[in-house]
PDB file of all heavy atoms in Angstrom:
ATOM      1  N   PHE A   1      14.283 130.599 330.198  1.00  0.00           N
ATOM      2  CA  PHE A   1      13.223 131.346 330.968  1.00  0.00           C
ATOM      3  C   PHE A   1      12.237 130.364 331.639  1.00  0.00           C
ATOM      4  O   PHE A   1      12.105 129.238 331.132  1.00  0.00           O
ATOM      5  CB  PHE A   1      12.555 132.260 330.010  1.00  0.00           C
ATOM      6  CG  PHE A   1      11.692 131.818 328.946  1.00  0.00           C
ATOM      7  CD1 PHE A   1      10.326 131.895 329.018  1.00  0.00           C
ATOM      8  CD2 PHE A   1      12.245 131.268 327.914  1.00  0.00           C
ATOM      9  CE1 PHE A   1       9.436 131.301 328.038  1.00  0.00           C
ATOM     10  CE2 PHE A   1      11.474 130.612 326.764  1.00  0.00           C
ATOM     11  CZ  PHE A   1      10.051 130.653 326.948  1.00  0.00           C
ATOM     12  N   THR A   2      11.494 130.971 332.513  1.00  0.00           N
ATOM     13  CA  THR A   2      10.399 130.002 333.213  1.00  0.00           C
ATOM     14  C   THR A   2       9.092 130.355 332.552  1.00  0.00           C
ATOM     15  O   THR A   2       8.717 131.469 332.304  1.00  0.00           O
ATOM     16  CB  THR A   2      10.486 130.321 334.670  1.00  0.00           C
ATOM     17  OG1 THR A   2       9.486 129.539 335.220  1.00  0.00           O
ATOM     18  CG2 THR A   2      10.121 131.763 335.100  1.00  0.00           C
ATOM     19  N   LEU A   3       8.384 129.256 332.365  1.00  0.00           N
ATOM     20  CA  LEU A   3       7.068 129.399 331.688  1.00  0.00           C
ATOM     21  C   LEU A   3       5.956 129.785 332.666  1.00  0.00           C
ATOM     22  O   LEU A   3       4.802 130.092 332.231  1.00  0.00           O
ATOM     23  CB  LEU A   3       6.648 128.053 331.015  1.00  0.00           C
ATOM     24  CG  LEU A   3       7.341 127.572 329.779  1.00  0.00           C
ATOM     25  CD1 LEU A   3       6.783 126.310 329.323  1.00  0.00           C
ATOM     26  CD2 LEU A   3       7.189 128.651 328.768  1.00  0.00           C
ATOM     27  N   ASP A   4       6.284 129.929 333.986  1.00  0.00           N
ATOM     28  CA  ASP A   4       5.249 130.326 334.989  1.00  0.00           C
ATOM     29  C   ASP A   4       4.542 131.596 334.651  1.00  0.00           C
ATOM     30  O   ASP A   4       3.344 131.713 335.001  1.00  0.00           O
ATOM     31  CB  ASP A   4       5.963 130.473 336.358  1.00  0.00           C
ATOM     32  CG  ASP A   4       6.567 129.268 336.896  1.00  0.00           C
ATOM     33  OD1 ASP A   4       7.071 128.428 336.174  1.00  0.00           O
ATOM     34  OD2 ASP A   4       6.441 129.103 338.191  1.00  0.00           O
ATOM     35  N   TYR A   5       5.267 132.532 333.952  1.00  0.00           N
ATOM     36  CA  TYR A   5       4.657 133.805 333.665  1.00  0.00           C
ATOM     37  C   TYR A   5       4.185 133.989 332.284  1.00  0.00           C
ATOM     38  O   TYR A   5       4.036 135.122 331.829  1.00  0.00           O
ATOM     39  CB  TYR A   5       5.734 134.955 333.994  1.00  0.00           C
ATOM     40  CG  TYR A   5       6.194 134.710 335.451  1.00  0.00           C
ATOM     41  CD1 TYR A   5       7.429 134.273 335.632  1.00  0.00           C
ATOM     42  CD2 TYR A   5       5.458 135.072 336.561  1.00  0.00           C
ATOM     43  CE1 TYR A   5       8.058 134.126 336.882  1.00  0.00           C
ATOM     44  CE2 TYR A   5       5.889 134.885 337.875  1.00  0.00           C
ATOM     45  CZ  TYR A   5       7.193 134.373 338.017  1.00  0.00           C
ATOM     46  OH  TYR A   5       7.650 134.223 339.303  1.00  0.00           O
ATOM     47  N   TYR A   6       4.019 132.895 331.538  1.00  0.00           N
ATOM     48  CA  TYR A   6       3.610 132.916 330.110  1.00  0.00           C
ATOM     49  C   TYR A   6       2.411 132.112 329.852  1.00  0.00           C
ATOM     50  O   TYR A   6       2.275 130.989 330.206  1.00  0.00           O
ATOM     51  CB  TYR A   6       4.745 132.377 329.281  1.00  0.00           C
ATOM     52  CG  TYR A   6       6.027 133.307 329.207  1.00  0.00           C
ATOM     53  CD1 TYR A   6       6.802 133.225 330.355  1.00  0.00           C
ATOM     54  CD2 TYR A   6       6.226 134.115 328.167  1.00  0.00           C
ATOM     55  CE1 TYR A   6       8.054 134.086 330.270  1.00  0.00           C
ATOM     56  CE2 TYR A   6       7.313 134.922 328.113  1.00  0.00           C
ATOM     57  CZ  TYR A   6       8.220 134.864 329.198  1.00  0.00           C
ATOM     58  OH  TYR A   6       9.321 135.766 329.119  1.00  0.00           O
ATOM     59  N   ALA A   7       1.502 132.695 329.045  1.00  0.00           N
ATOM     60  CA  ALA A   7       0.422 131.954 328.383  1.00  0.00           C
ATOM     61  C   ALA A   7       1.101 131.214 327.248  1.00  0.00           C
ATOM     62  O   ALA A   7       2.006 131.696 326.597  1.00  0.00           O
ATOM     63  CB  ALA A   7      -0.566 132.913 327.912  1.00  0.00           C
ATOM     64  N   ILE A   8       0.634 130.011 327.043  1.00  0.00           N
ATOM     65  CA  ILE A   8       1.173 129.190 325.855  1.00  0.00           C
ATOM     66  C   ILE A   8       0.086 128.866 324.967  1.00  0.00           C
ATOM     67  O   ILE A   8      -1.038 128.476 325.325  1.00  0.00           O
ATOM     68  CB  ILE A   8       1.789 127.853 326.521  1.00  0.00           C
ATOM     69  CG1 ILE A   8       2.753 128.244 327.605  1.00  0.00           C
ATOM     70  CG2 ILE A   8       2.337 127.050 325.432  1.00  0.00           C
ATOM     71  CD1 ILE A   8       4.017 129.023 327.097  1.00  0.00           C
ATOM     72  N   GLY A   9       0.497 128.779 323.631  1.00  0.00           N
ATOM     73  CA  GLY A   9      -0.474 128.419 322.625  1.00  0.00           C
ATOM     74  C   GLY A   9       0.104 127.355 321.824  1.00  0.00           C
ATOM     75  O   GLY A   9       1.418 127.319 321.713  1.00  0.00           O
ATOM     76  N   TRP A  10      -0.674 126.561 321.211  1.00  0.00           N
ATOM     77  CA  TRP A  10      -0.252 125.498 320.252  1.00  0.00           C
ATOM     78  C   TRP A  10      -0.895 125.882 318.912  1.00  0.00           C
ATOM     79  O   TRP A  10      -2.096 126.194 318.831  1.00  0.00           O
ATOM     80  CB  TRP A  10      -0.680 124.152 320.615  1.00  0.00           C
ATOM     81  CG  TRP A  10       0.171 123.424 321.699  1.00  0.00           C
ATOM     82  CD1 TRP A  10      -0.097 123.349 322.937  1.00  0.00           C
ATOM     83  CD2 TRP A  10       1.375 122.737 321.381  1.00  0.00           C
ATOM     84  NE1 TRP A  10       0.916 122.586 323.566  1.00  0.00           N
ATOM     85  CE2 TRP A  10       1.862 122.229 322.664  1.00  0.00           C
ATOM     86  CE3 TRP A  10       2.121 122.517 320.280  1.00  0.00           C
ATOM     87  CZ2 TRP A  10       3.028 121.543 322.774  1.00  0.00           C
ATOM     88  CZ3 TRP A  10       3.373 121.846 320.493  1.00  0.00           C
ATOM     89  CH2 TRP A  10       3.818 121.296 321.612  1.00  0.00           C
ATOM     90  N   PHE A  11      -0.065 125.889 317.872  1.00  0.00           N
ATOM     91  CA  PHE A  11      -0.561 126.156 316.546  1.00  0.00           C
ATOM     92  C   PHE A  11      -0.226 124.989 315.648  1.00  0.00           C
ATOM     93  O   PHE A  11       0.697 124.297 315.901  1.00  0.00           O
ATOM     94  CB  PHE A  11       0.105 127.483 316.038  1.00  0.00           C
ATOM     95  CG  PHE A  11      -0.389 128.646 316.882  1.00  0.00           C
ATOM     96  CD1 PHE A  11       0.092 128.988 318.009  1.00  0.00           C
ATOM     97  CD2 PHE A  11      -1.325 129.516 316.225  1.00  0.00           C
ATOM     98  CE1 PHE A  11      -0.351 130.029 318.814  1.00  0.00           C
ATOM     99  CE2 PHE A  11      -1.796 130.630 316.962  1.00  0.00           C
ATOM    100  CZ  PHE A  11      -1.279 130.854 318.165  1.00  0.00           C
ATOM    101  N   ARG A  12      -0.788 125.027 314.382  1.00  0.00           N
ATOM    102  CA  ARG A  12      -0.419 124.049 313.482  1.00  0.00           C
ATOM    103  C   ARG A  12      -0.484 124.672 311.992  1.00  0.00           C
ATOM    104  O   ARG A  12      -1.278 125.600 311.814  1.00  0.00           O
ATOM    105  CB  ARG A  12      -1.243 122.699 313.455  1.00  0.00           C
ATOM    106  CG  ARG A  12      -2.581 122.976 313.162  1.00  0.00           C
ATOM    107  CD  ARG A  12      -3.368 121.581 313.433  1.00  0.00           C
ATOM    108  NE  ARG A  12      -4.900 121.698 313.095  1.00  0.00           N
ATOM    109  CZ  ARG A  12      -5.732 120.769 313.372  1.00  0.00           C
ATOM    110  NH1 ARG A  12      -5.381 119.556 313.941  1.00  0.00           N
ATOM    111  NH2 ARG A  12      -6.976 120.897 312.995  1.00  0.00           N
ATOM    112  N   GLN A  13       0.360 124.132 311.183  1.00  0.00           N
ATOM    113  CA  GLN A  13       0.230 124.682 309.782  1.00  0.00           C
ATOM    114  C   GLN A  13       0.491 123.418 308.834  1.00  0.00           C
ATOM    115  O   GLN A  13       1.489 122.781 308.908  1.00  0.00           O
ATOM    116  CB  GLN A  13       1.317 125.750 309.468  1.00  0.00           C
ATOM    117  CG  GLN A  13       1.245 126.403 308.270  1.00  0.00           C
ATOM    118  CD  GLN A  13       2.019 127.648 308.171  1.00  0.00           C
ATOM    119  OE1 GLN A  13       2.867 127.842 308.846  1.00  0.00           O
ATOM    120  NE2 GLN A  13       1.638 128.495 307.174  1.00  0.00           N
ATOM    121  N   ALA A  14      -0.496 123.262 308.000  1.00  0.00           N
ATOM    122  CA  ALA A  14      -0.416 122.186 307.086  1.00  0.00           C
ATOM    123  C   ALA A  14       0.036 122.862 305.656  1.00  0.00           C
ATOM    124  O   ALA A  14      -0.110 124.005 305.501  1.00  0.00           O
ATOM    125  CB  ALA A  14      -1.726 121.535 306.761  1.00  0.00           C
ATOM    126  N   PRO A  15       0.705 122.055 304.767  1.00  0.00           N
ATOM    127  CA  PRO A  15       1.078 122.610 303.505  1.00  0.00           C
ATOM    128  C   PRO A  15       0.015 123.333 302.831  1.00  0.00           C
ATOM    129  O   PRO A  15      -1.133 122.781 302.650  1.00  0.00           O
ATOM    130  CB  PRO A  15       1.628 121.381 302.760  1.00  0.00           C
ATOM    131  CG  PRO A  15       1.937 120.439 303.833  1.00  0.00           C
ATOM    132  CD  PRO A  15       0.956 120.696 304.887  1.00  0.00           C
ATOM    133  N   GLY A  16       0.281 124.585 302.311  1.00  0.00           N
ATOM    134  CA  GLY A  16      -0.630 125.264 301.647  1.00  0.00           C
ATOM    135  C   GLY A  16      -1.672 125.963 302.376  1.00  0.00           C
ATOM    136  O   GLY A  16      -2.714 126.571 301.795  1.00  0.00           O
ATOM    137  N   LYS A  17      -1.735 125.879 303.657  1.00  0.00           N
ATOM    138  CA  LYS A  17      -2.834 126.346 304.547  1.00  0.00           C
ATOM    139  C   LYS A  17      -2.132 127.461 305.539  1.00  0.00           C
ATOM    140  O   LYS A  17      -1.035 127.348 305.741  1.00  0.00           O
ATOM    141  CB  LYS A  17      -3.500 125.192 305.379  1.00  0.00           C
ATOM    142  CG  LYS A  17      -4.227 124.260 304.485  1.00  0.00           C
ATOM    143  CD  LYS A  17      -5.072 123.325 305.272  1.00  0.00           C
ATOM    144  CE  LYS A  17      -5.951 122.502 304.459  1.00  0.00           C
ATOM    145  NZ  LYS A  17      -6.809 121.541 305.225  1.00  0.00           N
ATOM    146  N   GLU A  18      -3.005 128.241 306.091  1.00  0.00           N
ATOM    147  CA  GLU A  18      -2.605 129.252 307.075  1.00  0.00           C
ATOM    148  C   GLU A  18      -2.367 128.563 308.391  1.00  0.00           C
ATOM    149  O   GLU A  18      -2.958 127.437 308.617  1.00  0.00           O
ATOM    150  CB  GLU A  18      -3.690 130.301 307.144  1.00  0.00           C
ATOM    151  CG  GLU A  18      -3.852 131.136 305.969  1.00  0.00           C
ATOM    152  CD  GLU A  18      -4.707 132.395 306.168  1.00  0.00           C
ATOM    153  OE1 GLU A  18      -5.419 132.457 307.261  1.00  0.00           O
ATOM    154  OE2 GLU A  18      -4.987 133.143 305.217  1.00  0.00           O
ATOM    155  N   ARG A  19      -1.545 129.180 309.245  1.00  0.00           N
ATOM    156  CA  ARG A  19      -1.335 128.720 310.537  1.00  0.00           C
ATOM    157  C   ARG A  19      -2.598 128.873 311.341  1.00  0.00           C
ATOM    158  O   ARG A  19      -3.229 129.827 311.290  1.00  0.00           O
ATOM    159  CB  ARG A  19      -0.189 129.492 311.207  1.00  0.00           C
ATOM    160  CG  ARG A  19       0.380 128.964 312.417  1.00  0.00           C
ATOM    161  CD  ARG A  19       1.534 129.570 312.923  1.00  0.00           C
ATOM    162  NE  ARG A  19       2.655 129.501 311.975  1.00  0.00           N
ATOM    163  CZ  ARG A  19       3.990 129.729 312.237  1.00  0.00           C
ATOM    164  NH1 ARG A  19       4.309 130.206 313.353  1.00  0.00           N
ATOM    165  NH2 ARG A  19       4.808 129.531 311.220  1.00  0.00           N
ATOM    166  N   GLU A  20      -2.926 127.778 312.070  1.00  0.00           N
ATOM    167  CA  GLU A  20      -4.260 127.708 312.751  1.00  0.00           C
ATOM    168  C   GLU A  20      -3.947 127.562 314.346  1.00  0.00           C
ATOM    169  O   GLU A  20      -3.116 126.870 314.705  1.00  0.00           O
ATOM    170  CB  GLU A  20      -5.000 126.419 312.315  1.00  0.00           C
ATOM    171  CG  GLU A  20      -6.255 126.188 313.064  1.00  0.00           C
ATOM    172  CD  GLU A  20      -6.983 124.914 312.819  1.00  0.00           C
ATOM    173  OE1 GLU A  20      -6.179 124.064 312.164  1.00  0.00           O
ATOM    174  OE2 GLU A  20      -8.024 124.545 313.214  1.00  0.00           O
ATOM    175  N   GLY A  21      -4.666 128.408 315.024  1.00  0.00           N
ATOM    176  CA  GLY A  21      -4.570 128.266 316.531  1.00  0.00           C
ATOM    177  C   GLY A  21      -5.264 127.081 317.022  1.00  0.00           C
ATOM    178  O   GLY A  21      -6.516 126.964 316.654  1.00  0.00           O
ATOM    179  N   VAL A  22      -4.682 126.044 317.653  1.00  0.00           N
ATOM    180  CA  VAL A  22      -5.303 124.847 318.077  1.00  0.00           C
ATOM    181  C   VAL A  22      -5.784 124.967 319.490  1.00  0.00           C
ATOM    182  O   VAL A  22      -6.878 124.538 319.765  1.00  0.00           O
ATOM    183  CB  VAL A  22      -4.215 123.782 317.907  1.00  0.00           C
ATOM    184  CG1 VAL A  22      -4.844 122.395 318.472  1.00  0.00           C
ATOM    185  CG2 VAL A  22      -3.810 123.580 316.392  1.00  0.00           C
ATOM    186  N   SER A  23      -4.816 125.397 320.352  1.00  0.00           N
ATOM    187  CA  SER A  23      -5.164 125.396 321.781  1.00  0.00           C
ATOM    188  C   SER A  23      -4.396 126.324 322.504  1.00  0.00           C
ATOM    189  O   SER A  23      -3.183 126.644 322.017  1.00  0.00           O
ATOM    190  CB  SER A  23      -5.135 124.039 322.401  1.00  0.00           C
ATOM    191  OG  SER A  23      -5.463 123.900 323.779  1.00  0.00           O
ATOM    192  N   CYS A  24      -4.861 126.949 323.682  1.00  0.00           N
ATOM    193  CA  CYS A  24      -3.935 127.761 324.543  1.00  0.00           C
ATOM    194  C   CYS A  24      -4.328 127.641 325.947  1.00  0.00           C
ATOM    195  O   CYS A  24      -5.440 127.180 326.133  1.00  0.00           O
ATOM    196  CB  CYS A  24      -3.870 129.147 323.929  1.00  0.00           C
ATOM    197  SG  CYS A  24      -5.357 129.812 323.218  1.00  0.00           S
ATOM    198  N   ILE A  25      -3.476 127.967 326.776  1.00  0.00           N
ATOM    199  CA  ILE A  25      -3.664 127.793 328.220  1.00  0.00           C
ATOM    200  C   ILE A  25      -3.059 129.026 328.980  1.00  0.00           C
ATOM    201  O   ILE A  25      -1.987 129.545 328.560  1.00  0.00           O
ATOM    202  CB  ILE A  25      -2.858 126.466 328.680  1.00  0.00           C
ATOM    203  CG1 ILE A  25      -3.411 126.080 330.157  1.00  0.00           C
ATOM    204  CG2 ILE A  25      -1.468 126.577 328.459  1.00  0.00           C
ATOM    205  CD1 ILE A  25      -2.963 124.723 330.399  1.00  0.00           C
ATOM    206  N   SER A  26      -3.817 129.305 330.098  1.00  0.00           N
ATOM    207  CA  SER A  26      -3.371 130.504 330.892  1.00  0.00           C
ATOM    208  C   SER A  26      -2.275 130.185 331.805  1.00  0.00           C
ATOM    209  O   SER A  26      -1.868 129.066 331.989  1.00  0.00           O
ATOM    210  CB  SER A  26      -4.566 130.964 331.605  1.00  0.00           C
ATOM    211  OG  SER A  26      -5.038 129.983 332.593  1.00  0.00           O
ATOM    212  N   LEU A  27      -1.674 131.163 332.401  1.00  0.00           N
ATOM    213  CA  LEU A  27      -0.553 131.010 333.291  1.00  0.00           C
ATOM    214  C   LEU A  27      -0.795 129.923 334.404  1.00  0.00           C
ATOM    215  O   LEU A  27       0.062 129.092 334.701  1.00  0.00           O
ATOM    216  CB  LEU A  27      -0.187 132.247 334.087  1.00  0.00           C
ATOM    217  CG  LEU A  27       0.639 133.323 333.167  1.00  0.00           C
ATOM    218  CD1 LEU A  27      -0.160 133.928 332.050  1.00  0.00           C
ATOM    219  CD2 LEU A  27       1.070 134.415 334.100  1.00  0.00           C
TER     220      LEU A  27
END
């Protein structure tokens, strides 16, 4: 698929911790 029509997010998860939203970007 092409990313042109998608917002993208980066997340991270350390051991024993909840997934954290790090950064995101619009189309």
